[in-house]
Protein backbone atom coordinates (compact mmCIF):
# COMPACT_ATOMS: atom_id res chain seq x y z
CA UNK A 1 165.10 91.85 103.87
CA UNK A 2 165.15 93.19 100.28
CA UNK A 3 162.93 96.22 99.43
CA UNK A 4 160.92 94.21 96.79
CA UNK A 5 160.04 91.72 99.50
CA UNK A 6 159.00 94.33 101.97
CA UNK A 7 156.57 95.89 99.44
CA UNK A 8 155.10 92.55 98.83
CA UNK A 9 154.62 91.99 102.52
CA UNK A 10 152.94 95.35 102.95
CA UNK A 11 150.43 94.57 100.25
CA UNK A 12 149.64 91.32 101.93
CA UNK A 13 149.03 93.14 105.31
CA UNK A 14 146.40 95.23 103.70
CA UNK A 15 144.57 92.31 102.21
CA UNK A 16 145.10 89.56 104.70
CA UNK A 17 145.58 90.95 108.31
CA UNK A 18 145.70 87.67 110.04
CA UNK A 19 148.13 86.14 107.58
CA UNK A 20 150.29 89.26 107.85
CA UNK A 21 150.42 88.87 111.64
CA UNK A 22 151.61 85.33 111.30
CA UNK A 23 154.07 86.26 108.62
CA UNK A 24 155.55 88.90 110.94
CA UNK A 25 156.09 86.43 113.58
CA UNK A 26 157.94 84.10 111.14
CA UNK A 27 159.97 87.10 109.91
CA UNK A 28 160.89 88.00 113.44
CA UNK A 29 162.11 84.50 114.13
CA UNK A 30 164.18 84.51 111.01
CA UNK A 31 165.62 87.95 111.40
CA UNK A 32 167.84 87.40 114.56
CA UNK A 33 169.91 84.48 113.07
CA UNK A 34 170.38 86.45 109.92
CA UNK A 35 171.75 89.34 111.86
CA UNK A 36 174.10 87.12 113.89
CA UNK A 37 175.51 85.52 110.53
CA UNK A 38 176.01 89.10 109.22
CA UNK A 39 178.19 90.01 112.16
CA UNK A 40 179.99 86.69 112.27
CA UNK A 41 180.75 86.75 108.50
CA UNK A 42 182.77 90.03 108.83
CA UNK A 43 186.55 89.49 108.31
CA UNK A 44 188.46 90.34 111.42
CA UNK A 45 190.04 93.77 111.38
CA UNK A 46 193.65 93.62 110.47
CA UNK A 47 196.22 95.44 112.63
CA UNK A 48 197.94 98.45 111.15
CA UNK A 49 201.31 97.57 109.71
CA UNK A 50 204.31 97.98 112.03
CA UNK A 51 205.76 101.43 111.93
CA UNK A 52 209.33 102.73 111.98
CA UNK A 53 211.00 99.62 110.51
CA UNK A 54 214.25 100.66 108.98
CA UNK A 55 215.22 97.83 106.71
CA UNK A 56 215.48 97.24 103.13
CA UNK A 57 214.10 93.72 103.43
CA UNK A 58 212.65 91.64 106.05
CA UNK A 59 209.98 89.21 107.31
CA UNK A 60 208.17 88.30 110.53
CA UNK A 61 206.43 85.00 111.17
CA UNK A 62 204.68 83.25 114.00
CA UNK A 63 207.27 80.56 114.56
CA UNK A 64 204.77 78.18 116.39
CA UNK A 65 202.27 78.34 113.56
CA UNK A 66 204.37 79.27 110.57
CA UNK A 67 201.84 82.10 109.87
CA UNK A 68 203.22 85.02 107.89
CA UNK A 69 202.71 88.20 109.84
CA UNK A 70 204.72 90.97 107.89
CA UNK A 71 207.31 91.28 105.07
CA UNK A 72 209.20 93.76 102.90
CA UNK A 73 211.03 92.64 99.77
CA UNK A 74 210.27 89.12 100.68
CA UNK A 75 211.77 87.42 97.51
CA UNK A 76 214.45 90.18 96.61
CA UNK A 77 217.91 88.60 96.76
CA UNK A 78 220.38 90.42 99.09
CA UNK A 79 223.68 89.84 100.66
CA UNK A 80 223.18 88.75 104.39
CA UNK A 81 226.81 88.86 105.69
CA UNK A 82 227.44 86.71 108.82
CA UNK A 83 223.92 85.42 108.91
CA UNK A 84 225.65 82.92 106.54
CA UNK A 85 227.30 81.42 109.59
CA UNK A 86 223.87 79.88 110.61
CA UNK A 87 224.30 77.55 107.63
CA UNK A 88 228.00 76.87 108.44
CA UNK A 89 226.98 75.74 112.03
CA UNK A 90 224.17 73.57 110.60
CA UNK A 91 226.60 71.73 108.31
CA UNK A 92 228.97 71.07 111.09
CA UNK A 93 226.34 70.00 113.57
CA UNK A 94 224.65 67.64 111.03
CA UNK A 95 228.11 66.01 110.39
CA UNK A 96 228.45 65.34 113.96
CA UNK A 97 231.80 64.45 115.79
CA UNK A 98 231.67 67.72 117.76
CA UNK A 99 234.37 66.48 120.04
CA UNK A 100 236.84 66.51 117.01
CA UNK A 101 239.98 68.25 118.01
CA UNK A 102 241.09 71.06 115.54
CA UNK A 103 244.35 73.02 115.72
CA UNK A 104 244.26 76.70 115.26
CA UNK A 105 246.51 77.53 112.12
CA UNK A 106 248.32 80.67 111.20
CA UNK A 107 246.18 80.77 107.94
CA UNK A 108 242.93 80.98 110.12
CA UNK A 109 244.14 83.77 112.14
CA UNK A 110 245.42 85.63 109.13
CA UNK A 111 242.16 85.08 107.33
CA UNK A 112 240.20 86.99 109.92
CA UNK A 113 242.84 89.72 110.26
CA UNK A 114 243.44 90.24 106.40
CA UNK A 115 239.63 90.56 105.88
CA UNK A 116 239.06 92.89 108.88
CA UNK A 117 236.53 90.39 109.97
CA UNK A 118 234.73 89.43 113.24
CA UNK A 119 237.09 87.25 115.21
CA UNK A 120 237.02 84.80 118.02
CA UNK A 121 240.60 85.90 118.90
CA UNK A 122 242.06 82.41 118.33
CA UNK A 123 245.63 81.67 119.20
CA UNK A 124 247.80 79.85 116.74
CA UNK A 125 248.64 76.42 118.04
CA UNK A 126 245.70 76.19 120.32
CA UNK A 127 243.76 72.86 120.10
CA UNK A 128 239.82 73.23 120.49
CA UNK A 129 236.94 70.98 119.76
CA UNK A 130 234.41 71.52 117.12
CA UNK A 131 231.90 72.22 119.77
CA UNK A 132 234.01 75.02 121.22
CA UNK A 133 234.70 76.50 117.79
CA UNK A 134 230.95 76.55 117.16
CA UNK A 135 230.70 78.88 120.06
CA UNK A 136 233.38 81.01 118.64
CA UNK A 137 231.62 81.08 115.41
CA UNK A 138 228.20 81.96 116.47
CA UNK A 139 228.80 84.37 119.47
CA UNK A 140 231.56 86.71 118.47
CA UNK A 141 230.96 85.86 114.77
CA UNK A 142 234.43 84.62 114.38
CA UNK A 143 235.89 84.26 110.84
CA UNK A 144 238.76 82.40 112.26
CA UNK A 145 236.49 79.80 113.66
CA UNK A 146 234.48 79.54 110.30
CA UNK A 147 237.85 79.00 108.41
CA UNK A 148 238.89 76.17 110.74
CA UNK A 149 235.46 74.44 110.80
CA UNK A 150 235.08 74.66 107.01
CA UNK A 151 238.51 73.38 106.17
CA UNK A 152 238.02 70.49 108.80
CA UNK A 153 234.64 69.47 107.84
CA UNK A 154 234.93 69.93 103.98
CA UNK A 155 237.39 68.54 104.03
CA UNK A 156 238.67 71.87 102.44
CA UNK A 157 236.59 74.98 102.28
CA UNK A 158 235.40 74.51 98.65
CA UNK A 159 233.77 71.10 99.60
CA UNK A 160 232.33 72.60 102.75
CA UNK A 161 230.58 75.36 100.87
CA UNK A 162 229.21 72.71 98.42
CA UNK A 163 227.71 71.13 101.36
CA UNK A 164 226.25 74.48 102.51
CA UNK A 165 224.57 74.94 99.19
CA UNK A 166 223.29 71.31 99.12
CA UNK A 167 221.62 71.77 102.48
CA UNK A 168 220.06 75.11 101.36
CA UNK A 169 218.55 73.23 98.31
CA UNK A 170 217.29 70.44 100.63
CA UNK A 171 215.55 73.00 102.79
CA UNK A 172 213.77 74.66 99.78
CA UNK A 173 215.94 77.80 99.86
CA UNK A 174 215.66 78.36 96.17
CA UNK A 175 216.94 81.92 96.04
CA UNK A 176 220.03 81.43 98.21
CA UNK A 177 223.66 80.88 97.18
CA UNK A 178 226.73 80.59 99.28
CA UNK A 179 229.94 81.73 97.66
CA UNK A 180 231.95 81.15 100.95
CA UNK A 181 231.69 79.81 104.55
CA UNK A 182 231.10 82.95 106.46
CA UNK A 183 229.37 85.65 104.43
CA UNK A 184 232.41 87.98 103.93
CA UNK A 185 232.30 89.94 100.66
CA UNK A 186 234.40 87.73 98.54
CA UNK A 187 234.84 87.18 95.67
CA UNK A 188 232.34 90.21 95.54
CA UNK A 189 230.03 91.98 97.86
CA UNK A 190 226.98 90.23 96.32
CA UNK A 191 228.51 86.66 95.63
CA UNK A 192 226.62 85.25 98.74
CA UNK A 193 222.89 86.15 98.81
CA UNK A 194 219.48 85.22 100.06
CA UNK A 195 216.07 86.57 100.60
CA UNK A 196 214.02 87.19 103.66
CA UNK A 197 211.88 84.16 102.92
CA UNK A 198 214.74 81.88 102.61
CA UNK A 199 216.44 83.10 105.68
CA UNK A 200 213.45 82.52 107.90
CA UNK A 201 213.45 78.89 106.41
CA UNK A 202 216.98 78.50 107.40
CA UNK A 203 216.43 80.07 110.78
CA UNK A 204 213.44 77.78 111.57
CA UNK A 205 215.46 74.69 110.59
CA UNK A 206 218.47 75.94 112.68
CA UNK A 207 216.43 76.60 115.80
CA UNK A 208 214.99 73.01 115.84
CA UNK A 209 218.61 71.79 116.47
CA UNK A 210 219.13 71.61 120.14
CA UNK A 211 222.89 72.21 120.12
CA UNK A 212 222.41 75.38 117.94
CA UNK A 213 219.52 76.74 119.84
CA UNK A 214 221.48 76.42 123.16
CA UNK A 215 224.49 78.25 121.69
CA UNK A 216 222.71 81.17 120.19
CA UNK A 217 220.60 81.85 123.35
CA UNK A 218 223.84 82.56 125.26
CA UNK A 219 224.89 86.18 126.05
CA UNK A 220 228.45 85.00 126.54
CA UNK A 221 230.59 81.83 126.80
CA UNK A 222 233.90 81.15 128.72
CA UNK A 223 236.48 78.50 128.23
CA UNK A 224 239.14 78.02 130.91
CA UNK A 225 242.71 77.75 129.97
CA UNK A 226 244.10 74.18 129.75
CA UNK A 227 247.43 72.73 128.56
CA UNK A 228 245.79 72.62 125.03
CA UNK A 229 244.60 76.14 124.70
CA UNK A 230 244.34 79.70 126.11
CA UNK A 231 241.34 80.90 128.05
CA UNK A 232 238.48 82.52 125.95
CA UNK A 233 235.60 84.77 126.76
CA UNK A 234 233.16 85.28 123.82
CA UNK A 235 230.39 87.82 123.96
CA UNK A 236 227.36 87.44 121.69
CA UNK A 237 227.01 90.16 119.12
CA UNK A 238 223.30 89.83 119.20
CA UNK A 239 222.50 92.66 121.61
CA UNK A 240 218.69 91.80 121.45
CA UNK A 241 219.48 89.13 124.07
CA UNK A 242 220.37 91.74 126.53
CA UNK A 243 217.82 94.46 125.58
CA UNK A 244 214.58 92.49 124.60
CA UNK A 245 212.66 90.31 127.13
CA UNK A 246 212.09 87.04 125.66
CA UNK A 247 214.85 87.07 122.92
CA UNK A 248 216.41 83.65 122.23
CA UNK A 249 218.63 84.21 119.18
CA UNK A 250 219.86 83.92 116.53
CA UNK A 251 222.47 85.75 114.46
CA UNK A 252 223.82 89.23 113.36
CA UNK A 253 225.66 90.17 110.18
CA UNK A 254 227.48 93.18 108.57
CA UNK A 255 229.32 94.04 105.48
CA UNK A 256 229.17 97.39 103.54
CA UNK A 257 227.16 95.74 100.87
CA UNK A 258 224.80 93.83 103.21
CA UNK A 259 224.50 96.61 105.75
CA UNK A 260 223.48 95.74 109.25
CA UNK A 261 221.47 92.54 109.39
CA UNK A 262 219.77 90.52 112.09
CA UNK A 263 217.95 87.18 112.08
CA UNK A 264 216.09 86.99 115.59
CA UNK A 265 213.67 85.08 117.53
CA UNK A 266 211.74 85.78 120.79
CA UNK A 267 209.12 83.92 123.07
CA UNK A 268 206.56 85.51 125.27
CA UNK A 269 204.01 83.21 126.76
CA UNK A 270 202.79 80.77 124.24
CA UNK A 271 203.67 82.99 121.32
CA UNK A 272 207.07 82.51 119.43
CA UNK A 273 208.09 84.92 116.60
CA UNK A 274 210.92 84.84 114.23
CA UNK A 275 212.07 87.56 112.03
CA UNK A 276 214.88 89.06 109.97
CA UNK A 277 215.88 92.47 108.90
CA UNK A 278 218.33 93.12 106.05
CA UNK A 279 220.33 96.29 105.43
CA UNK A 280 218.98 98.14 108.39
CA UNK A 281 221.39 100.98 107.23
CA UNK A 282 225.02 100.48 106.80
CA UNK A 283 225.95 103.26 109.21
CA UNK A 284 224.11 102.59 112.43
CA UNK A 285 224.68 99.26 114.18
CA UNK A 286 221.92 99.72 116.69
CA UNK A 287 219.17 100.33 114.12
CA UNK A 288 218.77 96.52 113.29
CA UNK A 289 218.00 95.87 116.99
CA UNK A 290 215.61 98.84 117.12
CA UNK A 291 213.84 97.52 114.02
CA UNK A 292 213.67 94.01 115.40
CA UNK A 293 212.32 95.27 118.73
CA UNK A 294 209.60 97.20 116.92
CA UNK A 295 208.57 94.22 114.86
CA UNK A 296 208.43 91.98 117.87
CA UNK A 297 206.31 94.33 119.80
CA UNK A 298 204.04 94.77 116.94
CA UNK A 299 203.88 91.01 116.42
CA UNK A 300 203.19 89.99 120.02
CA UNK A 301 200.45 92.67 120.11
CA UNK A 302 198.92 91.34 116.90
CA UNK A 303 199.05 87.73 118.16
CA UNK A 304 197.43 88.74 121.39
CA UNK A 305 194.65 90.47 119.67
CA UNK A 306 193.88 87.67 117.22
């Protein structure tokens, strides 16, 4: 009750005792609801921001609700290295024909070797399906597999990269550009770039695709030898799958310009979180997983408290 009103009531008490008693009863009846409204109208306390997140850029969202939870440099364009291969896989899967047989060429093997890139260790002359090459693309981050898929599904890598950029535009990734099919630093370190906001958009779209989601959730994948190809055993470069309970994907990346990067997702109970960290140093490969774990711990605690 405002001070002026209390003074007026006091004067009324002195002059009109009975009326004051009635007024006091009415005021008492009114006071309780006002007190409740005052408490209810307070904004919920916001959790302290996550600590110890070593990354030049990043974002964390609630993947079930789409609610933003944390970000740094949300719309700053940065190279994202092999996180690019998420879009490579999306273009291939959207085209279909995953039983298509593709022969491993000398050019594909030389491409990975000459660029000192991640490799699926493919053997020249082996014949693999597009589905198998997707495993080699996403788990060991094979540039040789990316080369084969891009040239097969373009056809030709230039046409394929055009499809990647077209899909990015269709998703609303307005600050993303793909100069190549795998995120390697050519023609320059910064020719392929994106933002934390755009990469989360891409990650959300990719994880809605059953084939993609199943591949990136695997810790490893084996192919037995046949008359068409050698045996292969590919381990997932996303170590979060082994170290963080509930992790379900999705892709690592590294170049000197991009630093160590990770697009990640985890589920605990009814809460599903997706995040990305970019340039989590370019000297410590483990730091991106540490940063992701800290973000997820904070995010799950914040979700539980809300």
